[in-house]
Protein backbone atom coordinates (compact mmCIF):
# COMPACT_ATOMS: atom_id res chain seq x y z
CA MET A 1 0.28 -44.48 -12.28
CA ARG A 2 1.14 -44.16 -16.53
CA MET A 3 -0.37 -41.13 -17.86
CA PRO A 4 0.17 -39.74 -21.69
CA SER A 5 3.45 -37.47 -20.97
CA ARG A 6 1.61 -34.04 -21.31
CA VAL A 7 3.52 -32.11 -18.81
CA ALA A 8 2.68 -28.48 -17.66
CA LEU A 9 5.49 -27.11 -15.72
CA SER A 10 4.81 -23.86 -12.97
CA THR A 11 7.79 -23.17 -12.04
CA VAL A 12 9.99 -20.72 -10.00
CA ALA A 13 9.84 -18.33 -6.90
CA ALA A 14 13.09 -16.42 -6.12
CA ALA A 15 13.12 -14.24 -3.09
CA ILE A 16 16.06 -11.68 -3.07
CA ALA A 17 16.63 -9.72 0.46
CA LEU A 18 18.10 -6.23 -0.54
CA THR A 19 19.61 -3.78 2.57
CA GLY A 20 16.86 -1.25 2.88
CA ALA A 21 14.28 -3.17 0.68
CA SER A 22 12.60 -6.56 -0.24
CA VAL A 23 12.04 -7.80 -3.78
CA ILE A 24 10.19 -10.85 -4.74
CA THR A 25 9.88 -12.14 -8.17
CA ALA A 26 7.63 -15.14 -9.34
CA GLY A 27 6.72 -16.99 -12.65
CA HIS A 28 2.69 -17.27 -12.81
CA ALA A 29 0.63 -20.77 -13.31
CA HIS A 30 -1.97 -20.34 -15.77
CA ALA A 31 -5.67 -20.13 -14.70
CA ASP A 32 -6.82 -23.37 -15.25
CA GLU A 33 -4.03 -24.91 -13.57
CA THR A 34 -4.97 -23.50 -10.34
CA PRO A 35 -5.19 -26.03 -7.56
CA SER A 36 -8.16 -26.54 -5.05
CA VAL A 37 -7.29 -24.99 -1.78
CA PRO A 38 -9.58 -26.69 0.91
CA PRO A 39 -8.76 -25.37 4.55
CA GLY A 40 -5.47 -26.70 5.85
CA THR A 41 -3.80 -27.44 2.19
CA GLU A 42 -2.38 -23.60 1.59
CA SER A 43 0.58 -23.20 0.68
CA SER A 44 2.81 -21.73 4.03
CA ALA A 45 4.87 -19.74 1.64
CA GLU A 46 4.28 -15.50 1.74
CA PRO A 47 2.02 -14.49 -1.64
CA PRO A 48 4.61 -12.97 -4.10
CA VAL A 49 4.16 -8.87 -4.48
CA GLU A 50 3.63 -7.15 -7.71
CA VAL A 51 6.51 -4.98 -8.41
CA ASP A 52 7.32 -2.50 -11.10
CA ALA A 53 10.85 -2.93 -12.49
CA ASN A 54 11.35 0.46 -13.59
CA SER A 55 10.40 1.92 -10.05
CA PRO A 56 13.70 4.15 -8.99
CA GLY A 57 12.86 2.37 -5.56
CA LEU A 58 13.98 -0.85 -6.78
CA LYS A 59 17.78 0.57 -6.78
CA MET A 60 20.21 -0.71 -4.18
CA VAL A 61 21.44 1.91 -1.63
CA ASP A 62 25.40 2.67 -1.46
CA GLY A 63 27.05 -0.46 -0.14
CA ALA A 64 24.41 -2.77 -0.66
CA THR A 65 24.45 -6.30 -1.42
CA LEU A 66 22.55 -8.86 -2.79
CA ALA A 67 21.47 -12.13 -0.98
CA PRO A 68 21.91 -15.98 -2.48
CA ALA A 69 19.10 -16.65 -4.51
CA LYS A 70 16.45 -18.78 -2.50
CA VAL A 71 13.90 -21.24 -4.46
CA LEU A 72 10.71 -20.96 -2.76
CA ASP A 73 8.57 -23.81 -4.53
CA ILE A 74 8.86 -25.53 -7.64
CA LYS A 75 5.48 -26.87 -9.10
CA SER A 76 5.03 -30.14 -11.69
CA ILE A 77 1.50 -30.97 -13.36
CA VAL A 78 1.12 -34.26 -15.11
CA GLU A 79 -2.35 -34.67 -16.78
CA SER A 80 -3.62 -37.42 -18.92
CA GLU A 81 -4.78 -36.53 -22.43
CA GLY A 82 -8.09 -35.99 -21.39
CA GLY A 83 -8.09 -34.77 -18.26
CA GLU A 84 -9.09 -37.46 -16.67
CA GLU A 85 -5.81 -38.01 -14.29
CA ARG A 86 -3.50 -35.50 -12.94
CA ARG A 87 -0.75 -35.35 -10.66
CA GLU A 88 0.90 -32.26 -8.94
CA ASP A 89 4.26 -32.26 -7.01
CA THR A 90 5.58 -29.97 -5.34
CA ASN A 91 8.62 -29.89 -2.57
CA SER A 92 6.69 -30.78 -0.29
CA ASP A 93 3.45 -32.53 -1.59
CA VAL A 94 2.21 -35.04 -3.84
CA LYS A 95 -1.69 -34.60 -5.09
CA PHE A 96 -3.46 -37.15 -7.31
CA ALA A 97 -6.97 -35.91 -8.65
CA LEU A 98 -9.42 -38.54 -10.50
CA GLN A 99 -12.36 -37.62 -12.39
CA ALA A 100 -15.74 -38.81 -11.39
CA GLU A 101 -16.26 -40.84 -14.12
CA VAL A 102 -13.19 -42.70 -14.18
CA LEU A 103 -13.98 -44.18 -10.43
CA PHE A 104 -18.13 -44.05 -10.31
CA GLY A 105 -21.16 -44.08 -11.77
CA LYS A 106 -23.04 -41.15 -13.16
CA ASP A 107 -24.40 -39.55 -9.56
CA SER A 108 -23.22 -42.71 -7.82
CA ALA A 109 -20.56 -43.55 -5.03
CA LYS A 110 -20.15 -47.14 -6.42
CA LEU A 111 -16.66 -47.70 -7.81
CA SER A 112 -16.52 -48.94 -11.04
CA SER A 113 -14.27 -52.17 -12.17
CA ALA A 114 -11.57 -49.82 -13.08
CA ALA A 115 -11.38 -48.18 -10.10
CA ASN A 116 -9.42 -50.13 -7.97
CA ALA A 117 -6.43 -50.46 -10.10
CA ARG A 118 -6.28 -46.48 -10.28
CA ILE A 119 -6.41 -46.59 -6.85
CA ALA A 120 -3.99 -49.17 -6.32
CA ALA A 121 -1.42 -46.83 -7.91
CA ILE A 122 -2.22 -44.09 -5.73
CA ALA A 123 -1.24 -46.39 -2.51
CA ALA A 124 2.01 -47.67 -4.31
CA GLU A 125 2.90 -44.16 -4.63
CA ILE A 126 2.01 -43.54 -0.72
CA LYS A 127 3.99 -46.40 -0.20
CA LYS A 128 7.38 -45.15 -2.19
CA GLN A 129 6.98 -41.89 0.13
CA ASP A 130 6.44 -43.45 2.92
CA ALA A 131 3.88 -41.00 3.63
CA LYS A 132 1.69 -41.67 7.10
CA ARG A 133 -0.55 -38.88 6.68
CA VAL A 134 -3.04 -39.07 3.68
CA ARG A 135 -6.10 -36.55 2.78
CA VAL A 136 -9.28 -37.86 0.72
CA PHE A 137 -11.80 -35.21 -0.46
CA GLY A 138 -14.81 -35.49 -2.77
CA PHE A 139 -15.82 -32.49 -5.05
CA THR A 140 -18.79 -32.24 -6.94
CA ASP A 141 -19.96 -29.92 -9.72
CA ASN A 142 -22.67 -26.93 -8.56
CA LEU A 143 -25.96 -28.91 -10.54
CA GLY A 144 -28.12 -30.04 -7.90
CA SER A 145 -28.70 -29.02 -4.33
CA ALA A 146 -25.29 -27.86 -2.79
CA ALA A 147 -26.80 -30.61 0.29
CA HIS A 148 -27.08 -33.95 -2.64
CA GLY A 149 -23.49 -32.52 -3.35
CA ASP A 150 -21.79 -32.32 0.23
CA VAL A 151 -23.33 -36.03 0.75
CA LEU A 152 -22.57 -37.68 -2.73
CA SER A 153 -18.61 -36.15 -2.51
CA LYS A 154 -17.96 -37.79 1.13
CA GLN A 155 -19.80 -40.76 0.00
CA ARG A 156 -17.18 -40.96 -3.00
CA ALA A 157 -14.19 -39.62 -0.67
CA ASP A 158 -15.29 -42.74 1.74
CA ALA A 159 -15.37 -45.05 -1.10
CA VAL A 160 -11.66 -44.16 -2.41
CA HIS A 161 -10.64 -44.32 1.33
CA LYS A 162 -12.00 -47.63 2.09
CA VAL A 163 -9.78 -49.47 -1.09
CA LEU A 164 -6.98 -47.11 -0.01
CA GLN A 165 -7.01 -48.70 3.37
CA GLN A 166 -7.04 -51.97 2.43
CA GLN A 167 -4.36 -51.73 -0.20
CA LEU A 168 -1.76 -50.07 2.46
CA GLY A 169 -3.18 -52.45 5.44
CA SER A 170 -1.39 -51.89 8.55
CA ALA A 171 1.14 -49.21 7.07
CA GLY A 172 0.48 -46.97 10.44
CA VAL A 173 -1.40 -44.44 7.89
CA THR A 174 -3.54 -41.65 9.13
CA PHE A 175 -6.81 -40.58 7.05
CA GLU A 176 -8.75 -37.38 6.68
CA ILE A 177 -11.56 -37.83 4.46
CA ARG A 178 -14.28 -34.61 3.72
CA GLY A 179 -16.77 -34.47 1.45
CA TYR A 180 -16.38 -30.64 0.10
CA GLY A 181 -19.42 -30.93 -2.92
CA GLU A 182 -19.27 -27.78 -4.85
CA GLN A 183 -16.77 -25.88 -2.98
CA TYR A 184 -13.27 -24.98 -4.15
CA PRO A 185 -14.19 -25.68 -8.02
CA ILE A 186 -11.10 -25.96 -10.44
CA ALA A 187 -12.64 -25.02 -13.50
CA ASP A 188 -15.72 -22.99 -14.72
CA ASN A 189 -19.45 -24.85 -14.07
CA SER A 190 -21.18 -22.97 -17.22
CA THR A 191 -19.92 -25.76 -19.09
CA GLU A 192 -19.97 -29.53 -19.71
CA GLU A 193 -16.21 -29.63 -19.73
CA GLY A 194 -15.76 -27.40 -16.51
CA ARG A 195 -17.96 -29.28 -14.12
CA LYS A 196 -16.54 -32.72 -15.44
CA LYS A 197 -13.13 -31.20 -14.01
CA ASN A 198 -15.07 -30.53 -10.68
CA ARG A 199 -16.59 -33.91 -10.21
CA ARG A 200 -13.33 -35.32 -8.77
CA VAL A 201 -11.56 -37.27 -5.72
CA GLU A 202 -8.12 -35.90 -4.70
CA VAL A 203 -5.79 -38.05 -2.69
CA SER A 204 -2.78 -36.08 -1.10
CA PHE A 205 -0.21 -36.44 1.20
CA PRO A 206 3.28 -35.29 2.00
CA ARG A 207 6.85 -36.10 -0.03
CA GLY A 208 10.02 -36.65 1.57
CA GLU A 209 9.29 -39.26 4.11
CA GLY A 210 10.20 -41.80 1.76
CA GLY A 211 10.73 -40.86 -1.73
CA SER A 212 12.17 -37.83 -4.20
CA GLN A 213 10.50 -35.85 -6.50
CA GLY A 214 10.34 -36.87 -10.23
């Protein structure tokens, strides 16, 4: 998928083990780069703890040595200029997020004429990674009833899944398709700009079975 080259990088967690103490430092992503975390997609890494660099408790005891630094995770984010398309890469996973407006008409689960090409680009990346497990999750904003959002988001996830399945053919891919409605927003639902980001379909799959990051 070709996107303008506005790139945001969220990096770097390094863990250092000390004799008698543990210290973890981490870089923090901006708040608007926080991805959704539906059940089953949470990171397995322990969250970093806040530490006071001036605390005397951080001093190593006599004879202590530093363990080698360890990079816990690296995340890169590429987003189109208007935010319609977004790709997130970590050491273990790839996730594409497409705003509903680039795939569907208003309040509809019928794919637009331009949608197939966008979904085909995702299918090509799934093939490149030789991924065998793919999640397709639909989300809406918080306008209208929650029940309607649940149904619409599932219908949209089903529509994207159908095209992916056609594109991938007999590749032996197992799909998980869910509609989460207004759950797990990634932006503020009090503005139209935020609601537009929340109306989306996400496709995620493991990295490393057949491809490399970048």
